[in-house]
């Protein structure tokens, strides 16, 4: 299960109430993305909530794919966002706090930790395969990225 399946809308009930419709708790569920992508009803949201929802849409839903927002770009951009927060030295708890402040989203710290750990393991595999194939530049890139995520 991808980390984006474990990212939830903070104050889900309040948001549903303001929009006068039910939306899934999952931030990357189809109905949630439809709501954000189409923008229907955003005028019903209070200013602070609307600003965060629009920030989320601008930062993660902005791509030129024909199947946007179902193209996978929002999920990839969000995973990149999480990795960038880790590279800034933030741990799982702090990452959860920042995504809450930035986008009114939450996740469990353990899920974020698992994602970060899996990312490091993937980079280790890339590094080893690149070494075997004699791709020293790729191995070095994977090694540097792994170090930046490991703290």
C-alpha atoms as a PDB file:
ATOM      1  CA  UNK A   1       0.000   0.000   0.000  1.00  0.00           C
ATOM      2  CA  UNK A   2       1.405   3.378  -1.013  1.00  0.00           C
ATOM      3  CA  UNK A   3       1.983   6.108   1.554  1.00  0.00           C
ATOM      4  CA  UNK A   4      -0.552   8.291  -0.258  1.00  0.00           C
ATOM      5  CA  UNK A   5      -3.237   5.738   0.648  1.00  0.00           C
ATOM      6  CA  UNK A   6      -2.438   6.558   4.269  1.00  0.00           C
ATOM      7  CA  UNK A   7      -2.712  10.359   4.018  1.00  0.00           C
ATOM      8  CA  UNK A   8      -5.944  11.714   5.464  1.00  0.00           C
ATOM      9  CA  UNK A   9      -7.872  14.966   5.430  1.00  0.00           C
ATOM     10  CA  UNK A  10      -7.631  16.695   8.793  1.00  0.00           C
ATOM     11  CA  UNK A  11     -10.971  17.892  10.192  1.00  0.00           C
ATOM     12  CA  UNK A  12     -12.715  15.641   7.685  1.00  0.00           C
ATOM     13  CA  UNK A  13     -16.169  16.013   9.256  1.00  0.00           C
ATOM     14  CA  UNK A  14     -15.911  19.796   9.461  1.00  0.00           C
ATOM     15  CA  UNK A  15     -14.861  19.962   5.809  1.00  0.00           C
ATOM     16  CA  UNK A  16     -17.720  17.679   4.746  1.00  0.00           C
ATOM     17  CA  UNK A  17     -20.137  19.831   6.723  1.00  0.00           C
ATOM     18  CA  UNK A  18     -18.902  23.061   5.137  1.00  0.00           C
ATOM     19  CA  UNK A  19     -19.144  21.523   1.658  1.00  0.00           C
ATOM     20  CA  UNK A  20     -22.533  19.969   2.455  1.00  0.00           C
ATOM     21  CA  UNK A  21     -21.402  16.658   0.974  1.00  0.00           C
ATOM     22  CA  UNK A  22     -19.603  13.541   2.110  1.00  0.00           C
ATOM     23  CA  UNK A  23     -16.011  13.187   1.066  1.00  0.00           C
ATOM     24  CA  UNK A  24     -13.671  10.307   1.826  1.00  0.00           C
ATOM     25  CA  UNK A  25     -11.106  10.702   4.600  1.00  0.00           C
ATOM     26  CA  UNK A  26      -8.310   9.780   2.195  1.00  0.00           C
ATOM     27  CA  UNK A  27      -6.703  12.849   0.641  1.00  0.00           C
ATOM     28  CA  UNK A  28      -5.863  10.971  -2.562  1.00  0.00           C
ATOM     29  CA  UNK A  29      -9.189   9.158  -3.024  1.00  0.00           C
ATOM     30  CA  UNK A  30     -10.989   9.784  -6.301  1.00  0.00           C
ATOM     31  CA  UNK A  31     -13.890  11.768  -4.831  1.00  0.00           C
ATOM     32  CA  UNK A  32     -11.530  13.980  -2.843  1.00  0.00           C
ATOM     33  CA  UNK A  33      -9.392  14.679  -5.911  1.00  0.00           C
ATOM     34  CA  UNK A  34     -12.521  15.391  -7.973  1.00  0.00           C
ATOM     35  CA  UNK A  35     -13.671  17.922  -5.419  1.00  0.00           C
ATOM     36  CA  UNK A  36     -10.291  19.658  -5.361  1.00  0.00           C
ATOM     37  CA  UNK A  37      -9.648  19.460  -9.090  1.00  0.00           C
ATOM     38  CA  UNK A  38     -13.048  20.731 -10.127  1.00  0.00           C
ATOM     39  CA  UNK A  39     -13.231  23.316  -7.362  1.00  0.00           C
ATOM     40  CA  UNK A  40     -16.994  22.958  -6.961  1.00  0.00           C
ATOM     41  CA  UNK A  41     -18.102  24.283  -3.606  1.00  0.00           C
ATOM     42  CA  UNK A  42     -14.769  25.688  -2.477  1.00  0.00           C
ATOM     43  CA  UNK A  43     -16.511  29.020  -1.939  1.00  0.00           C
ATOM     44  CA  UNK A  44     -18.385  27.354   0.940  1.00  0.00           C
ATOM     45  CA  UNK A  45     -15.159  26.811   2.884  1.00  0.00           C
ATOM     46  CA  UNK A  46     -13.877  29.224   5.498  1.00  0.00           C
ATOM     47  CA  UNK A  47     -10.894  31.301   4.363  1.00  0.00           C
ATOM     48  CA  UNK A  48      -8.180  29.346   6.195  1.00  0.00           C
ATOM     49  CA  UNK A  49      -9.461  25.988   4.945  1.00  0.00           C
ATOM     50  CA  UNK A  50      -9.917  27.262   1.392  1.00  0.00           C
ATOM     51  CA  UNK A  51      -6.353  28.604   1.349  1.00  0.00           C
ATOM     52  CA  UNK A  52      -4.912  25.249   2.392  1.00  0.00           C
ATOM     53  CA  UNK A  53      -7.099  23.316  -0.051  1.00  0.00           C
ATOM     54  CA  UNK A  54      -6.030  25.620  -2.874  1.00  0.00           C
ATOM     55  CA  UNK A  55      -2.370  25.277  -1.831  1.00  0.00           C
ATOM     56  CA  UNK A  56      -2.752  21.495  -1.989  1.00  0.00           C
ATOM     57  CA  UNK A  57      -4.393  21.668  -5.419  1.00  0.00           C
ATOM     58  CA  UNK A  58      -1.731  24.046  -6.741  1.00  0.00           C
ATOM     59  CA  UNK A  59       1.204  22.056  -5.354  1.00  0.00           C
ATOM     60  CA  UNK A  60       0.044  18.533  -6.206  1.00  0.00           C
ATOM     61  CA  UNK A  61      -2.695  18.633  -8.845  1.00  0.00           C
ATOM     62  CA  UNK A  62      -0.953  20.902 -11.338  1.00  0.00           C
ATOM     63  CA  UNK A  63       0.179  18.852 -14.328  1.00  0.00           C
ATOM     64  CA  UNK A  64      -0.593  18.655 -18.033  1.00  0.00           C
ATOM     65  CA  UNK A  65      -1.567  14.991 -18.184  1.00  0.00           C
ATOM     66  CA  UNK A  66      -4.798  14.153 -19.990  1.00  0.00           C
ATOM     67  CA  UNK A  67      -5.967  11.997 -17.096  1.00  0.00           C
ATOM     68  CA  UNK A  68      -5.147  14.558 -14.369  1.00  0.00           C
ATOM     69  CA  UNK A  69      -5.747  14.094 -11.402  1.00  0.00           C
ATOM     70  CA  UNK A  70      -5.748  10.306 -11.925  1.00  0.00           C
ATOM     71  CA  UNK A  71      -2.398  10.195 -13.707  1.00  0.00           C
ATOM     72  CA  UNK A  72      -0.315   9.446 -10.616  1.00  0.00           C
ATOM     73  CA  UNK A  73       1.385  12.851 -10.654  1.00  0.00           C
ATOM     74  CA  UNK A  74      -0.300  14.078  -7.440  1.00  0.00           C
ATOM     75  CA  UNK A  75       0.876  11.000  -5.548  1.00  0.00           C
ATOM     76  CA  UNK A  76       4.427  11.232  -6.923  1.00  0.00           C
ATOM     77  CA  UNK A  77       4.611  14.945  -6.095  1.00  0.00           C
ATOM     78  CA  UNK A  78       3.399  14.273  -2.562  1.00  0.00           C
ATOM     79  CA  UNK A  79       5.960  11.520  -2.025  1.00  0.00           C
ATOM     80  CA  UNK A  80       8.661  13.905  -3.259  1.00  0.00           C
ATOM     81  CA  UNK A  81       7.342  16.495  -0.762  1.00  0.00           C
ATOM     82  CA  UNK A  82       7.698  13.979   2.097  1.00  0.00           C
ATOM     83  CA  UNK A  83      11.224  13.066   1.018  1.00  0.00           C
ATOM     84  CA  UNK A  84      12.196  16.745   0.803  1.00  0.00           C
ATOM     85  CA  UNK A  85      10.941  17.300   4.348  1.00  0.00           C
ATOM     86  CA  UNK A  86      13.101  14.376   5.480  1.00  0.00           C
ATOM     87  CA  UNK A  87      16.117  15.806   3.650  1.00  0.00           C
ATOM     88  CA  UNK A  88      15.588  19.008   5.634  1.00  0.00           C
ATOM     89  CA  UNK A  89      16.216  16.926   8.750  1.00  0.00           C
ATOM     90  CA  UNK A  90      12.635  16.415   9.892  1.00  0.00           C
ATOM     91  CA  UNK A  91      11.628  13.159  11.545  1.00  0.00           C
ATOM     92  CA  UNK A  92       8.268  11.408  11.062  1.00  0.00           C
ATOM     93  CA  UNK A  93       6.471  13.316  13.844  1.00  0.00           C
ATOM     94  CA  UNK A  94       7.662  16.679  12.529  1.00  0.00           C
ATOM     95  CA  UNK A  95       6.738  15.700   8.949  1.00  0.00           C
ATOM     96  CA  UNK A  96       3.200  14.910  10.099  1.00  0.00           C
ATOM     97  CA  UNK A  97       3.028  18.289  11.858  1.00  0.00           C
ATOM     98  CA  UNK A  98       4.259  20.177   8.793  1.00  0.00           C
ATOM     99  CA  UNK A  99       1.840  18.478   6.390  1.00  0.00           C
ATOM    100  CA  UNK A 100      -0.947  19.342   8.820  1.00  0.00           C
ATOM    101  CA  UNK A 101       0.092  22.977   8.898  1.00  0.00           C
ATOM    102  CA  UNK A 102       0.714  23.191   5.150  1.00  0.00           C
ATOM    103  CA  UNK A 103      -2.286  21.275   3.797  1.00  0.00           C
ATOM    104  CA  UNK A 104      -4.584  20.196   6.655  1.00  0.00           C
ATOM    105  CA  UNK A 105      -3.517  16.583   6.147  1.00  0.00           C
ATOM    106  CA  UNK A 106      -2.424  13.970   8.629  1.00  0.00           C
ATOM    107  CA  UNK A 107      -0.863  10.553   8.702  1.00  0.00           C
ATOM    108  CA  UNK A 108       0.371   8.238  11.375  1.00  0.00           C
ATOM    109  CA  UNK A 109       4.040   8.750  12.207  1.00  0.00           C
ATOM    110  CA  UNK A 110       4.653   5.008  11.889  1.00  0.00           C
ATOM    111  CA  UNK A 111       3.354   5.048   8.323  1.00  0.00           C
ATOM    112  CA  UNK A 112       5.666   7.948   7.467  1.00  0.00           C
ATOM    113  CA  UNK A 113       8.580   6.129   9.118  1.00  0.00           C
ATOM    114  CA  UNK A 114       7.813   2.987   7.083  1.00  0.00           C
ATOM    115  CA  UNK A 115       7.709   5.034   3.879  1.00  0.00           C
ATOM    116  CA  UNK A 116      11.045   6.676   4.661  1.00  0.00           C
ATOM    117  CA  UNK A 117      12.609   3.332   5.567  1.00  0.00           C
ATOM    118  CA  UNK A 118      11.340   1.747   2.346  1.00  0.00           C
ATOM    119  CA  UNK A 119      12.713   4.697   0.373  1.00  0.00           C
ATOM    120  CA  UNK A 120      16.172   4.139   1.859  1.00  0.00           C
ATOM    121  CA  UNK A 121      15.938   0.385   1.123  1.00  0.00           C
ATOM    122  CA  UNK A 122      14.980   1.149  -2.491  1.00  0.00           C
ATOM    123  CA  UNK A 123      17.965   3.479  -2.846  1.00  0.00           C
ATOM    124  CA  UNK A 124      20.234   0.758  -1.424  1.00  0.00           C
ATOM    125  CA  UNK A 125      18.945  -1.633  -4.093  1.00  0.00           C
ATOM    126  CA  UNK A 126      19.493   0.978  -6.834  1.00  0.00           C
ATOM    127  CA  UNK A 127      22.998   1.599  -5.549  1.00  0.00           C
ATOM    128  CA  UNK A 128      23.877  -2.110  -5.526  1.00  0.00           C
ATOM    129  CA  UNK A 129      22.409  -2.767  -8.969  1.00  0.00           C
ATOM    130  CA  UNK A 130      24.175   0.264 -10.406  1.00  0.00           C
ATOM    131  CA  UNK A 131      27.465  -0.952  -8.922  1.00  0.00           C
ATOM    132  CA  UNK A 132      26.956  -4.398 -10.483  1.00  0.00           C
ATOM    133  CA  UNK A 133      26.187  -2.826 -13.857  1.00  0.00           C
ATOM    134  CA  UNK A 134      29.189  -0.502 -13.643  1.00  0.00           C
ATOM    135  CA  UNK A 135      26.990   2.608 -13.548  1.00  0.00           C
ATOM    136  CA  UNK A 136      29.165   4.497 -11.063  1.00  0.00           C
ATOM    137  CA  UNK A 137      27.412   7.838 -11.573  1.00  0.00           C
ATOM    138  CA  UNK A 138      24.005   6.308 -10.777  1.00  0.00           C
ATOM    139  CA  UNK A 139      25.434   4.431  -7.795  1.00  0.00           C
ATOM    140  CA  UNK A 140      26.938   7.664  -6.462  1.00  0.00           C
ATOM    141  CA  UNK A 141      23.632   9.522  -6.919  1.00  0.00           C
ATOM    142  CA  UNK A 142      21.740   6.785  -5.063  1.00  0.00           C
ATOM    143  CA  UNK A 143      24.380   6.753  -2.294  1.00  0.00           C
ATOM    144  CA  UNK A 144      24.179  10.549  -1.834  1.00  0.00           C
ATOM    145  CA  UNK A 145      20.377  10.522  -1.806  1.00  0.00           C
ATOM    146  CA  UNK A 146      20.354   7.654   0.694  1.00  0.00           C
ATOM    147  CA  UNK A 147      22.662   9.602   3.007  1.00  0.00           C
ATOM    148  CA  UNK A 148      20.463  12.694   2.756  1.00  0.00           C
ATOM    149  CA  UNK A 149      17.438  10.653   3.815  1.00  0.00           C
ATOM    150  CA  UNK A 150      19.218   8.738   6.561  1.00  0.00           C
ATOM    151  CA  UNK A 151      19.966  11.897   8.488  1.00  0.00           C
END
